[in-house]
Amino acid sequence: MRDPSTSVIVDPRMMALYTDVSELVGIDETRDELINMLIEGDDWLKHPLKTISIVGFGGLGKTTLAKSAYEKIKGQFDYDAFISVSQNPSKKKVFKNILYELDKNKYAHIHSEEWEENHLIDEIIEFLNGNRYLIIIDDIWDTEVWQLIKCAFSKKSPGSRLITTTRIVSVSEACCSSRDDIYKMKPLSEDVSRILFLKEYFMRKGVPKSWCKYRKTF
């Protein structure tokens, strides 16, 4: 029997990655703001690689926002990938994850391969060169880690876009293409906070959404 005094720690970013976008509350406006930063203008496909950095303290929904924008526009790109970095990452594992997400068939066994970092970087560059791609690098904590990761992304791919997320302002400044390419997370509005509270309350009470008079706001 499990000790009731012990608690299970759930990574909220993992929950964000696997939450159905249709279940998200109040995300449309911020998502569309971010998308406009990524692909603004009729000739954005001709523009060079652009990196947008989402910054804000933990719990504001950076991963959720990045995932929502990613799901909305990834069909406009040749290749896409969503990668989490976190604190103290294995750089080789990060590069292997990128390759695997880009082509799960070609790189099905990449995690068991003994490749050096420079080999992995060269492979990503060669794979992406000339292709339009959308890649999210989630939860970056260290500027030096980013400086190495960004070496893998070819600038010879017009229309390509990177989204990074971090809770550290100095890291966001290092990750973006320019100071204008930083998206600062905002606290939820009062209306959205109220909807989330009601949704959580009724879910905890076990009330089916179909029975709830607030269901239209869910």
N, C-alpha and C. Protein backbone atom coordinates (compact mmCIF):
# COMPACT_ATOMS: atom_id res chain seq x y z
N MET A 1 0.86 -1.21 0.00
CA MET A 1 0.00 0.00 0.00
C MET A 1 0.88 1.24 0.00
N ARG A 2 0.50 2.22 -0.81
CA ARG A 2 1.31 3.42 -0.91
C ARG A 2 1.10 4.30 0.30
N ASP A 3 2.19 4.84 0.81
CA ASP A 3 2.14 5.74 1.95
C ASP A 3 1.41 7.01 1.54
N PRO A 4 0.26 7.31 2.20
CA PRO A 4 -0.51 8.49 1.81
C PRO A 4 0.24 9.79 2.03
N SER A 5 1.30 9.75 2.86
CA SER A 5 2.05 10.97 3.13
C SER A 5 3.01 11.32 2.00
N THR A 6 3.25 10.34 1.12
CA THR A 6 4.14 10.61 -0.02
C THR A 6 3.32 11.19 -1.17
N SER A 7 3.91 12.11 -1.89
CA SER A 7 3.22 12.72 -3.02
C SER A 7 3.98 12.45 -4.30
N VAL A 8 3.24 12.35 -5.38
CA VAL A 8 3.84 12.13 -6.69
C VAL A 8 4.04 13.48 -7.36
N ILE A 9 5.26 13.75 -7.76
CA ILE A 9 5.57 15.02 -8.42
C ILE A 9 5.36 14.86 -9.92
N VAL A 10 4.49 15.68 -10.47
CA VAL A 10 4.19 15.64 -11.90
C VAL A 10 4.75 16.89 -12.55
N ASP A 11 5.56 16.69 -13.59
CA ASP A 11 6.14 17.81 -14.31
C ASP A 11 5.03 18.52 -15.09
N PRO A 12 4.71 19.78 -14.75
CA PRO A 12 3.62 20.48 -15.44
C PRO A 12 3.89 20.67 -16.92
N ARG A 13 5.18 20.71 -17.33
CA ARG A 13 5.48 20.83 -18.74
C ARG A 13 5.08 19.57 -19.50
N MET A 14 5.22 18.41 -18.84
CA MET A 14 4.80 17.16 -19.47
C MET A 14 3.29 17.16 -19.69
N MET A 15 2.55 17.67 -18.70
CA MET A 15 1.10 17.77 -18.84
C MET A 15 0.75 18.70 -20.00
N ALA A 16 1.51 19.80 -20.12
CA ALA A 16 1.24 20.77 -21.19
C ALA A 16 1.46 20.15 -22.56
N LEU A 17 2.47 19.30 -22.69
CA LEU A 17 2.79 18.70 -23.98
C LEU A 17 1.70 17.75 -24.46
N TYR A 18 1.00 17.13 -23.52
CA TYR A 18 0.03 16.10 -23.91
C TYR A 18 -1.42 16.53 -23.67
N THR A 19 -1.63 17.81 -23.40
CA THR A 19 -2.99 18.32 -23.27
C THR A 19 -3.54 18.66 -24.64
N ASP A 20 -4.74 18.22 -24.91
CA ASP A 20 -5.40 18.54 -26.18
C ASP A 20 -5.58 20.05 -26.27
N VAL A 21 -5.10 20.64 -27.37
CA VAL A 21 -5.17 22.09 -27.53
C VAL A 21 -6.60 22.59 -27.42
N SER A 22 -7.57 21.77 -27.83
CA SER A 22 -8.97 22.19 -27.77
C SER A 22 -9.46 22.36 -26.34
N GLU A 23 -8.74 21.80 -25.36
CA GLU A 23 -9.14 21.91 -23.97
C GLU A 23 -8.57 23.16 -23.30
N LEU A 24 -7.67 23.85 -23.97
CA LEU A 24 -7.01 24.99 -23.37
C LEU A 24 -7.93 26.20 -23.31
N VAL A 25 -7.83 26.94 -22.22
CA VAL A 25 -8.69 28.10 -22.00
C VAL A 25 -7.88 29.38 -22.17
N GLY A 26 -8.40 30.34 -22.95
CA GLY A 26 -7.79 31.65 -23.07
C GLY A 26 -6.47 31.67 -23.81
N ILE A 27 -6.22 30.66 -24.67
CA ILE A 27 -4.93 30.56 -25.34
C ILE A 27 -4.94 31.21 -26.72
N ASP A 28 -6.11 31.37 -27.32
CA ASP A 28 -6.19 31.81 -28.72
C ASP A 28 -5.51 33.15 -28.98
N GLU A 29 -5.78 34.12 -28.13
CA GLU A 29 -5.25 35.46 -28.37
C GLU A 29 -3.72 35.49 -28.28
N THR A 30 -3.16 34.89 -27.22
CA THR A 30 -1.71 34.90 -27.06
C THR A 30 -1.05 34.03 -28.14
N ARG A 31 -1.69 32.92 -28.50
CA ARG A 31 -1.15 32.08 -29.56
C ARG A 31 -1.06 32.84 -30.87
N ASP A 32 -2.12 33.57 -31.21
CA ASP A 32 -2.13 34.30 -32.47
C ASP A 32 -1.11 35.45 -32.46
N GLU A 33 -0.90 36.07 -31.29
CA GLU A 33 0.14 37.09 -31.17
C GLU A 33 1.50 36.49 -31.50
N LEU A 34 1.78 35.32 -30.93
CA LEU A 34 3.06 34.66 -31.15
C LEU A 34 3.22 34.26 -32.62
N ILE A 35 2.16 33.73 -33.21
CA ILE A 35 2.21 33.32 -34.61
C ILE A 35 2.48 34.52 -35.51
N ASN A 36 1.87 35.67 -35.21
CA ASN A 36 2.12 36.87 -36.01
C ASN A 36 3.58 37.30 -35.94
N MET A 37 4.21 37.10 -34.77
CA MET A 37 5.63 37.40 -34.65
C MET A 37 6.47 36.46 -35.52
N LEU A 38 6.01 35.23 -35.65
CA LEU A 38 6.76 34.22 -36.38
C LEU A 38 6.64 34.37 -37.90
N ILE A 39 5.42 34.62 -38.36
CA ILE A 39 5.19 34.58 -39.81
C ILE A 39 4.46 35.84 -40.30
N GLU A 40 4.85 36.98 -39.77
CA GLU A 40 4.20 38.22 -40.19
C GLU A 40 4.65 38.62 -41.59
N GLY A 41 3.73 39.20 -42.34
CA GLY A 41 4.05 39.68 -43.68
C GLY A 41 3.83 38.62 -44.74
N ASP A 42 3.48 39.06 -45.94
CA ASP A 42 3.21 38.13 -47.04
C ASP A 42 4.46 37.43 -47.54
N ASP A 43 5.64 38.04 -47.32
CA ASP A 43 6.87 37.47 -47.87
C ASP A 43 7.74 36.80 -46.79
N TRP A 44 7.10 36.35 -45.68
CA TRP A 44 7.89 35.75 -44.59
C TRP A 44 8.65 34.51 -45.04
N LEU A 45 8.14 33.83 -46.06
CA LEU A 45 8.81 32.62 -46.56
C LEU A 45 10.19 32.92 -47.14
N LYS A 46 10.41 34.18 -47.53
CA LYS A 46 11.69 34.56 -48.12
C LYS A 46 12.68 35.05 -47.07
N HIS A 47 12.19 35.26 -45.84
CA HIS A 47 13.05 35.80 -44.80
C HIS A 47 13.97 34.72 -44.24
N PRO A 48 15.13 35.09 -43.74
CA PRO A 48 16.06 34.11 -43.17
C PRO A 48 15.53 33.52 -41.85
N LEU A 49 16.26 32.53 -41.35
CA LEU A 49 15.90 31.90 -40.07
C LEU A 49 15.64 32.95 -39.00
N LYS A 50 14.52 32.78 -38.29
CA LYS A 50 14.15 33.71 -37.23
C LYS A 50 13.88 32.92 -35.95
N THR A 51 14.37 33.46 -34.83
CA THR A 51 14.18 32.79 -33.54
C THR A 51 13.41 33.70 -32.60
N ILE A 52 12.28 33.20 -32.12
CA ILE A 52 11.47 33.90 -31.12
C ILE A 52 11.70 33.24 -29.76
N SER A 53 11.90 34.04 -28.73
CA SER A 53 12.08 33.50 -27.38
C SER A 53 10.90 33.87 -26.49
N ILE A 54 10.27 32.86 -25.90
CA ILE A 54 9.18 33.08 -24.94
C ILE A 54 9.79 33.05 -23.55
N VAL A 55 9.57 34.11 -22.78
CA VAL A 55 10.18 34.19 -21.44
C VAL A 55 9.13 34.51 -20.39
N GLY A 56 9.29 33.93 -19.21
CA GLY A 56 8.38 34.17 -18.09
C GLY A 56 8.68 33.18 -16.99
N PHE A 57 8.29 33.52 -15.76
CA PHE A 57 8.60 32.61 -14.66
C PHE A 57 7.78 31.33 -14.76
N GLY A 58 8.19 30.32 -13.99
CA GLY A 58 7.55 29.01 -14.05
C GLY A 58 6.06 29.07 -13.74
N GLY A 59 5.27 28.32 -14.49
CA GLY A 59 3.84 28.23 -14.24
C GLY A 59 2.98 29.18 -15.05
N LEU A 60 3.60 30.04 -15.86
CA LEU A 60 2.82 30.99 -16.66
C LEU A 60 2.29 30.38 -17.96
N GLY A 61 2.80 29.21 -18.34
CA GLY A 61 2.27 28.54 -19.52
C GLY A 61 3.10 28.68 -20.78
N LYS A 62 4.42 28.82 -20.63
CA LYS A 62 5.30 28.99 -21.80
C LYS A 62 5.23 27.77 -22.71
N THR A 63 5.34 26.57 -22.13
CA THR A 63 5.30 25.34 -22.91
C THR A 63 3.95 25.19 -23.60
N THR A 64 2.89 25.49 -22.88
CA THR A 64 1.54 25.40 -23.44
C THR A 64 1.37 26.33 -24.63
N LEU A 65 1.86 27.55 -24.49
CA LEU A 65 1.75 28.53 -25.59
C LEU A 65 2.56 28.08 -26.80
N ALA A 66 3.79 27.64 -26.56
CA ALA A 66 4.64 27.19 -27.66
C ALA A 66 4.00 26.00 -28.38
N LYS A 67 3.45 25.06 -27.62
CA LYS A 67 2.83 23.88 -28.23
C LYS A 67 1.60 24.28 -29.05
N SER A 68 0.81 25.21 -28.53
CA SER A 68 -0.39 25.64 -29.23
C SER A 68 -0.05 26.28 -30.57
N ALA A 69 0.95 27.17 -30.58
CA ALA A 69 1.38 27.80 -31.84
C ALA A 69 1.97 26.76 -32.78
N TYR A 70 2.74 25.86 -32.24
CA TYR A 70 3.38 24.79 -33.02
C TYR A 70 2.34 23.94 -33.75
N GLU A 71 1.32 23.52 -33.02
CA GLU A 71 0.28 22.68 -33.61
C GLU A 71 -0.51 23.43 -34.69
N LYS A 72 -0.64 24.73 -34.50
CA LYS A 72 -1.43 25.54 -35.43
C LYS A 72 -0.74 25.74 -36.78
N ILE A 73 0.59 25.88 -36.78
CA ILE A 73 1.27 26.27 -38.02
C ILE A 73 2.28 25.26 -38.55
N LYS A 74 2.50 24.15 -37.87
CA LYS A 74 3.57 23.24 -38.31
C LYS A 74 3.33 22.67 -39.71
N GLY A 75 2.08 22.63 -40.16
CA GLY A 75 1.78 22.13 -41.49
C GLY A 75 2.33 23.01 -42.61
N GLN A 76 2.77 24.22 -42.27
CA GLN A 76 3.32 25.13 -43.28
C GLN A 76 4.82 24.92 -43.50
N PHE A 77 5.39 23.94 -42.81
CA PHE A 77 6.82 23.71 -42.86
C PHE A 77 7.12 22.30 -43.37
N ASP A 78 8.32 22.12 -43.92
CA ASP A 78 8.73 20.81 -44.43
C ASP A 78 8.99 19.83 -43.28
N TYR A 79 9.60 20.34 -42.22
CA TYR A 79 9.95 19.50 -41.07
C TYR A 79 9.66 20.26 -39.78
N ASP A 80 9.36 19.52 -38.74
CA ASP A 80 9.10 20.15 -37.45
C ASP A 80 9.55 19.24 -36.32
N ALA A 81 9.82 19.84 -35.17
CA ALA A 81 10.23 19.07 -33.99
C ALA A 81 9.97 19.89 -32.74
N PHE A 82 9.63 19.21 -31.66
CA PHE A 82 9.40 19.85 -30.36
C PHE A 82 10.30 19.15 -29.35
N ILE A 83 11.31 19.86 -28.82
CA ILE A 83 12.33 19.26 -27.98
C ILE A 83 12.39 19.99 -26.64
N SER A 84 12.52 19.23 -25.55
CA SER A 84 12.70 19.81 -24.22
C SER A 84 14.16 19.68 -23.80
N VAL A 85 14.71 20.74 -23.21
CA VAL A 85 16.11 20.75 -22.79
C VAL A 85 16.24 20.57 -21.28
N SER A 86 15.64 21.47 -20.50
CA SER A 86 15.66 21.43 -19.03
C SER A 86 17.06 21.71 -18.48
N GLN A 87 17.18 21.63 -17.15
CA GLN A 87 18.46 21.90 -16.50
C GLN A 87 19.43 20.74 -16.69
N ASN A 88 20.71 21.06 -16.78
CA ASN A 88 21.77 20.06 -16.89
C ASN A 88 21.48 19.00 -17.95
N PRO A 89 21.21 19.40 -19.18
CA PRO A 89 20.86 18.43 -20.21
C PRO A 89 22.08 17.69 -20.76
N SER A 90 21.86 16.50 -21.27
CA SER A 90 22.86 15.82 -22.08
C SER A 90 22.77 16.40 -23.47
N LYS A 91 23.80 17.09 -23.91
CA LYS A 91 23.75 17.76 -25.22
C LYS A 91 23.60 16.74 -26.34
N LYS A 92 24.29 15.61 -26.21
CA LYS A 92 24.15 14.57 -27.23
C LYS A 92 22.70 14.10 -27.32
N LYS A 93 22.06 13.93 -26.16
CA LYS A 93 20.67 13.48 -26.15
C LYS A 93 19.76 14.51 -26.81
N VAL A 94 20.02 15.79 -26.56
CA VAL A 94 19.22 16.86 -27.19
C VAL A 94 19.32 16.76 -28.70
N PHE A 95 20.55 16.62 -29.23
CA PHE A 95 20.73 16.53 -30.68
C PHE A 95 20.10 15.26 -31.25
N LYS A 96 20.22 14.17 -30.51
CA LYS A 96 19.60 12.91 -30.96
C LYS A 96 18.08 13.04 -30.98
N ASN A 97 17.53 13.71 -29.97
CA ASN A 97 16.08 13.92 -29.94
C ASN A 97 15.62 14.76 -31.12
N ILE A 98 16.41 15.76 -31.49
CA ILE A 98 16.07 16.60 -32.64
C ILE A 98 16.00 15.75 -33.90
N LEU A 99 17.04 14.95 -34.14
CA LEU A 99 17.07 14.10 -35.33
C LEU A 99 15.90 13.12 -35.34
N TYR A 100 15.62 12.52 -34.19
CA TYR A 100 14.53 11.54 -34.12
C TYR A 100 13.19 12.19 -34.42
N GLU A 101 12.96 13.39 -33.87
CA GLU A 101 11.70 14.08 -34.10
C GLU A 101 11.57 14.53 -35.56
N LEU A 102 12.68 14.86 -36.19
CA LEU A 102 12.63 15.29 -37.58
C LEU A 102 12.26 14.16 -38.52
N ASP A 103 12.77 12.96 -38.24
CA ASP A 103 12.47 11.80 -39.10
C ASP A 103 12.59 10.52 -38.26
N LYS A 104 11.45 10.08 -37.75
CA LYS A 104 11.44 8.92 -36.84
C LYS A 104 11.84 7.62 -37.53
N ASN A 105 11.65 7.53 -38.82
CA ASN A 105 12.04 6.33 -39.55
C ASN A 105 13.55 6.31 -39.81
N LYS A 106 14.06 7.37 -40.36
CA LYS A 106 15.48 7.44 -40.69
C LYS A 106 16.35 7.32 -39.44
N TYR A 107 15.89 7.95 -38.36
CA TYR A 107 16.70 7.98 -37.14
C TYR A 107 16.08 7.14 -36.02
N ALA A 108 15.46 6.04 -36.39
CA ALA A 108 14.78 5.18 -35.42
C ALA A 108 15.72 4.65 -34.34
N HIS A 109 17.01 4.46 -34.69
CA HIS A 109 17.96 3.88 -33.75
C HIS A 109 19.04 4.87 -33.31
N ILE A 110 18.76 6.15 -33.49
CA ILE A 110 19.77 7.16 -33.20
C ILE A 110 20.20 7.17 -31.74
N HIS A 111 19.29 6.85 -30.83
CA HIS A 111 19.63 6.92 -29.41
C HIS A 111 20.61 5.84 -28.98
N SER A 112 20.75 4.80 -29.77
CA SER A 112 21.72 3.74 -29.44
C SER A 112 23.04 3.91 -30.20
N GLU A 113 23.10 4.93 -31.04
CA GLU A 113 24.32 5.18 -31.81
C GLU A 113 25.33 5.97 -30.98
N GLU A 114 26.61 5.67 -31.17
CA GLU A 114 27.68 6.37 -30.45
C GLU A 114 28.26 7.47 -31.33
N TRP A 115 27.52 8.56 -31.47
CA TRP A 115 27.97 9.68 -32.29
C TRP A 115 28.50 10.79 -31.38
N GLU A 116 29.53 11.48 -31.85
CA GLU A 116 30.03 12.63 -31.13
C GLU A 116 29.14 13.84 -31.42
N GLU A 117 29.27 14.87 -30.58
CA GLU A 117 28.42 16.05 -30.72
C GLU A 117 28.58 16.69 -32.10
N ASN A 118 29.83 16.81 -32.59
CA ASN A 118 30.03 17.46 -33.88
C ASN A 118 29.41 16.66 -35.03
N HIS A 119 29.42 15.33 -34.91
CA HIS A 119 28.79 14.47 -35.91
C HIS A 119 27.28 14.70 -35.92
N LEU A 120 26.69 14.79 -34.74
CA LEU A 120 25.25 15.01 -34.63
C LEU A 120 24.87 16.38 -35.19
N ILE A 121 25.66 17.40 -34.86
CA ILE A 121 25.39 18.74 -35.37
C ILE A 121 25.47 18.76 -36.89
N ASP A 122 26.52 18.15 -37.44
CA ASP A 122 26.67 18.11 -38.90
C ASP A 122 25.50 17.38 -39.56
N GLU A 123 25.01 16.33 -38.91
CA GLU A 123 23.89 15.57 -39.47
C GLU A 123 22.62 16.42 -39.51
N ILE A 124 22.37 17.18 -38.45
CA ILE A 124 21.19 18.05 -38.42
C ILE A 124 21.30 19.14 -39.48
N ILE A 125 22.48 19.74 -39.60
CA ILE A 125 22.69 20.79 -40.61
C ILE A 125 22.42 20.25 -42.01
N GLU A 126 22.98 19.08 -42.29
CA GLU A 126 22.79 18.49 -43.62
C GLU A 126 21.33 18.14 -43.88
N PHE A 127 20.66 17.62 -42.85
CA PHE A 127 19.25 17.23 -43.01
C PHE A 127 18.37 18.45 -43.28
N LEU A 128 18.63 19.54 -42.57
CA LEU A 128 17.75 20.71 -42.66
C LEU A 128 18.11 21.66 -43.80
N ASN A 129 19.33 21.57 -44.30
CA ASN A 129 19.79 22.51 -45.32
C ASN A 129 18.84 22.55 -46.52
N GLY A 130 18.33 23.75 -46.80
CA GLY A 130 17.44 23.93 -47.95
C GLY A 130 15.99 23.61 -47.68
N ASN A 131 15.68 23.12 -46.47
CA ASN A 131 14.29 22.81 -46.10
C ASN A 131 13.76 23.86 -45.12
N ARG A 132 12.48 24.12 -45.21
CA ARG A 132 11.85 25.05 -44.29
C ARG A 132 11.40 24.27 -43.05
N TYR A 133 11.83 24.71 -41.87
CA TYR A 133 11.54 23.94 -40.66
C TYR A 133 11.02 24.83 -39.53
N LEU A 134 10.27 24.19 -38.63
CA LEU A 134 9.78 24.82 -37.40
C LEU A 134 10.21 23.93 -36.24
N ILE A 135 11.03 24.48 -35.35
CA ILE A 135 11.53 23.69 -34.23
C ILE A 135 11.36 24.48 -32.94
N ILE A 136 10.83 23.81 -31.92
CA ILE A 136 10.67 24.40 -30.59
C ILE A 136 11.72 23.77 -29.68
N ILE A 137 12.51 24.62 -29.03
CA ILE A 137 13.48 24.19 -28.02
C ILE A 137 12.95 24.70 -26.69
N ASP A 138 12.37 23.81 -25.92
CA ASP A 138 11.62 24.17 -24.71
C ASP A 138 12.49 24.09 -23.45
N ASP A 139 12.32 25.08 -22.58
CA ASP A 139 12.90 25.06 -21.22
C ASP A 139 14.43 25.10 -21.23
N ILE A 140 14.97 26.16 -21.78
CA ILE A 140 16.43 26.37 -21.78
C ILE A 140 16.82 27.17 -20.53
N TRP A 141 17.88 26.71 -19.86
CA TRP A 141 18.32 27.36 -18.62
C TRP A 141 19.68 28.04 -18.74
N ASP A 142 20.42 27.71 -19.77
CA ASP A 142 21.82 28.12 -19.81
C ASP A 142 22.18 28.69 -21.18
N THR A 143 22.81 29.86 -21.20
CA THR A 143 23.18 30.50 -22.45
C THR A 143 24.20 29.68 -23.23
N GLU A 144 25.17 29.08 -22.53
CA GLU A 144 26.20 28.30 -23.22
C GLU A 144 25.60 27.07 -23.90
N VAL A 145 24.61 26.46 -23.24
CA VAL A 145 23.93 25.32 -23.86
C VAL A 145 23.27 25.76 -25.16
N TRP A 146 22.61 26.92 -25.13
CA TRP A 146 21.95 27.42 -26.34
C TRP A 146 22.97 27.73 -27.44
N GLN A 147 24.11 28.30 -27.07
CA GLN A 147 25.12 28.64 -28.08
C GLN A 147 25.56 27.40 -28.85
N LEU A 148 25.61 26.25 -28.17
CA LEU A 148 25.97 25.01 -28.86
C LEU A 148 24.79 24.49 -29.69
N ILE A 149 23.59 24.50 -29.10
CA ILE A 149 22.42 23.97 -29.80
C ILE A 149 22.18 24.72 -31.10
N LYS A 150 22.31 26.03 -31.08
CA LYS A 150 21.97 26.82 -32.27
C LYS A 150 22.92 26.57 -33.43
N CYS A 151 24.10 25.97 -33.15
CA CYS A 151 25.04 25.64 -34.23
C CYS A 151 24.43 24.65 -35.22
N ALA A 152 23.41 23.91 -34.77
CA ALA A 152 22.83 22.85 -35.60
C ALA A 152 21.83 23.37 -36.62
N PHE A 153 21.47 24.64 -36.53
CA PHE A 153 20.39 25.13 -37.37
C PHE A 153 20.90 25.97 -38.52
N SER A 154 20.73 25.43 -39.72
CA SER A 154 21.22 26.05 -40.93
C SER A 154 20.48 27.36 -41.22
N LYS A 155 21.26 28.37 -41.57
CA LYS A 155 20.67 29.64 -41.95
C LYS A 155 20.34 29.68 -43.45
N LYS A 156 20.63 28.58 -44.13
CA LYS A 156 20.35 28.50 -45.57
C LYS A 156 18.98 27.90 -45.83
N SER A 157 18.06 28.20 -44.94
CA SER A 157 16.70 27.66 -45.06
C SER A 157 15.69 28.78 -44.86
N PRO A 158 15.47 29.63 -45.88
CA PRO A 158 14.54 30.75 -45.75
C PRO A 158 13.16 30.29 -45.29
N GLY A 159 12.54 31.11 -44.44
CA GLY A 159 11.21 30.80 -43.93
C GLY A 159 11.22 29.90 -42.72
N SER A 160 12.39 29.44 -42.28
CA SER A 160 12.45 28.56 -41.11
C SER A 160 12.31 29.37 -39.82
N ARG A 161 11.77 28.71 -38.79
CA ARG A 161 11.52 29.39 -37.53
C ARG A 161 11.87 28.50 -36.34
N LEU A 162 12.45 29.14 -35.31
CA LEU A 162 12.72 28.49 -34.03
C LEU A 162 11.94 29.22 -32.95
N ILE A 163 11.40 28.46 -32.01
CA ILE A 163 10.80 29.04 -30.80
C ILE A 163 11.56 28.46 -29.62
N THR A 164 12.05 29.31 -28.74
CA THR A 164 12.68 28.85 -27.51
C THR A 164 11.84 29.31 -26.33
N THR A 165 11.88 28.56 -25.23
CA THR A 165 11.22 29.00 -24.01
C THR A 165 12.22 28.96 -22.86
N THR A 166 12.13 29.93 -21.99
CA THR A 166 13.01 30.00 -20.83
C THR A 166 12.36 30.87 -19.76
N ARG A 167 12.79 30.65 -18.53
CA ARG A 167 12.30 31.52 -17.45
C ARG A 167 13.34 32.58 -17.08
N ILE A 168 14.45 32.63 -17.82
CA ILE A 168 15.57 33.51 -17.48
C ILE A 168 15.72 34.57 -18.58
N VAL A 169 15.62 35.84 -18.19
CA VAL A 169 15.63 36.93 -19.16
C VAL A 169 16.92 36.97 -19.96
N SER A 170 18.07 36.80 -19.30
CA SER A 170 19.35 36.86 -20.01
C SER A 170 19.46 35.74 -21.05
N VAL A 171 18.87 34.59 -20.76
CA VAL A 171 18.88 33.49 -21.72
C VAL A 171 17.98 33.82 -22.90
N SER A 172 16.82 34.41 -22.64
CA SER A 172 15.91 34.78 -23.73
C SER A 172 16.57 35.79 -24.66
N GLU A 173 17.36 36.70 -24.11
CA GLU A 173 18.04 37.71 -24.92
C GLU A 173 19.11 37.07 -25.82
N ALA A 174 19.70 35.99 -25.32
CA ALA A 174 20.71 35.28 -26.12
C ALA A 174 20.06 34.40 -27.19
N CYS A 175 18.84 33.96 -26.94
CA CYS A 175 18.17 33.01 -27.83
C CYS A 175 17.46 33.64 -29.01
N CYS A 176 17.10 34.90 -28.92
CA CYS A 176 16.25 35.50 -29.95
C CYS A 176 17.07 36.12 -31.08
N SER A 177 16.42 36.35 -32.20
CA SER A 177 17.08 36.98 -33.35
C SER A 177 17.35 38.46 -33.08
N SER A 178 16.45 39.11 -32.35
CA SER A 178 16.62 40.51 -31.98
C SER A 178 15.77 40.78 -30.74
N ARG A 179 15.96 41.94 -30.12
CA ARG A 179 15.18 42.29 -28.92
C ARG A 179 13.68 42.35 -29.21
N ASP A 180 13.33 42.57 -30.47
CA ASP A 180 11.92 42.61 -30.84
C ASP A 180 11.32 41.22 -30.94
N ASP A 181 12.16 40.20 -30.86
CA ASP A 181 11.70 38.81 -31.02
C ASP A 181 11.60 38.08 -29.68
N ILE A 182 11.37 38.83 -28.61
CA ILE A 182 11.13 38.24 -27.28
C ILE A 182 9.65 38.38 -26.95
N TYR A 183 9.02 37.26 -26.61
CA TYR A 183 7.61 37.29 -26.21
C TYR A 183 7.55 37.11 -24.70
N LYS A 184 7.14 38.17 -24.01
CA LYS A 184 7.07 38.13 -22.54
C LYS A 184 5.69 37.65 -22.11
N MET A 185 5.67 36.56 -21.36
CA MET A 185 4.40 36.00 -20.90
C MET A 185 3.70 36.97 -19.96
N LYS A 186 2.38 37.02 -20.10
CA LYS A 186 1.57 37.89 -19.26
C LYS A 186 0.71 37.03 -18.32
N PRO A 187 0.40 37.53 -17.14
CA PRO A 187 -0.51 36.80 -16.26
C PRO A 187 -1.88 36.64 -16.92
N LEU A 188 -2.63 35.62 -16.52
CA LEU A 188 -3.95 35.40 -17.07
C LEU A 188 -4.89 36.55 -16.70
N SER A 189 -5.81 36.85 -17.60
CA SER A 189 -6.81 37.88 -17.31
C SER A 189 -7.76 37.38 -16.22
N GLU A 190 -8.50 38.32 -15.64
CA GLU A 190 -9.43 37.95 -14.57
C GLU A 190 -10.50 36.99 -15.08
N ASP A 191 -11.02 37.22 -16.28
CA ASP A 191 -12.06 36.34 -16.84
C ASP A 191 -11.55 34.92 -17.05
N VAL A 192 -10.34 34.81 -17.64
CA VAL A 192 -9.78 33.48 -17.89
C VAL A 192 -9.47 32.78 -16.59
N SER A 193 -8.96 33.52 -15.60
CA SER A 193 -8.67 32.92 -14.30
C SER A 193 -9.94 32.37 -13.65
N ARG A 194 -11.05 33.12 -13.80
CA ARG A 194 -12.31 32.67 -13.23
C ARG A 194 -12.80 31.38 -13.91
N ILE A 195 -12.67 31.34 -15.24
CA ILE A 195 -13.09 30.14 -15.98
C ILE A 195 -12.27 28.94 -15.56
N LEU A 196 -10.96 29.12 -15.43
CA LEU A 196 -10.08 28.02 -15.02
C LEU A 196 -10.43 27.55 -13.61
N PHE A 197 -10.74 28.50 -12.73
CA PHE A 197 -11.11 28.13 -11.36
C PHE A 197 -12.38 27.30 -11.36
N LEU A 198 -13.39 27.74 -12.10
CA LEU A 198 -14.66 27.00 -12.15
C LEU A 198 -14.47 25.62 -12.75
N LYS A 199 -13.67 25.56 -13.82
CA LYS A 199 -13.42 24.27 -14.47
C LYS A 199 -12.76 23.30 -13.49
N GLU A 200 -11.74 23.79 -12.78
CA GLU A 200 -11.03 22.95 -11.81
C GLU A 200 -11.96 22.53 -10.67
N TYR A 201 -12.78 23.47 -10.21
CA TYR A 201 -13.69 23.19 -9.11
C TYR A 201 -14.66 22.07 -9.46
N PHE A 202 -15.32 22.18 -10.62
CA PHE A 202 -16.30 21.18 -11.00
C PHE A 202 -15.66 19.83 -11.34
N MET A 203 -14.45 19.87 -11.89
CA MET A 203 -13.75 18.61 -12.17
C MET A 203 -13.41 17.89 -10.86
N ARG A 204 -12.98 18.65 -9.85
CA ARG A 204 -12.66 18.05 -8.55
C ARG A 204 -13.91 17.49 -7.86
N LYS A 205 -15.05 18.11 -8.15
CA LYS A 205 -16.32 17.65 -7.57
C LYS A 205 -16.88 16.45 -8.34
N GLY A 206 -16.25 16.14 -9.48
CA GLY A 206 -16.71 15.00 -10.27
C GLY A 206 -17.96 15.29 -11.08
N VAL A 207 -18.24 16.57 -11.32
CA VAL A 207 -19.42 16.94 -12.09
C VAL A 207 -19.10 16.88 -13.58
N PRO A 208 -19.79 16.07 -14.36
CA PRO A 208 -19.54 16.01 -15.80
C PRO A 208 -19.74 17.37 -16.45
N LYS A 209 -18.92 17.69 -17.44
CA LYS A 209 -19.05 18.99 -18.12
C LYS A 209 -20.43 19.16 -18.73
N SER A 210 -21.02 18.07 -19.19
CA SER A 210 -22.31 18.16 -19.85
C SER A 210 -23.42 18.57 -18.89
N TRP A 211 -23.15 18.41 -17.57
CA TRP A 211 -24.16 18.78 -16.59
C TRP A 211 -23.95 20.20 -16.06
N CYS A 212 -22.86 20.77 -16.42
CA CYS A 212 -22.48 22.04 -15.80
C CYS A 212 -22.97 23.22 -16.63
N LYS A 213 -23.61 24.17 -15.98
CA LYS A 213 -24.14 25.31 -16.73
C LYS A 213 -23.05 26.21 -17.27
N TYR A 214 -21.79 25.99 -16.81
CA TYR A 214 -20.66 26.78 -17.30
C TYR A 214 -19.96 26.07 -18.45
N ARG A 215 -20.55 24.99 -18.94
CA ARG A 215 -19.81 24.18 -19.91
C ARG A 215 -19.42 24.95 -21.17
N LYS A 216 -20.19 25.97 -21.56
CA LYS A 216 -19.87 26.71 -22.77
C LYS A 216 -18.58 27.50 -22.64
N THR A 217 -18.18 27.79 -21.41
CA THR A 217 -16.94 28.54 -21.20
C THR A 217 -15.75 27.60 -21.14
N PHE A 218 -15.98 26.29 -21.15
CA PHE A 218 -14.88 25.35 -21.07
C PHE A 218 -14.31 25.11 -22.45
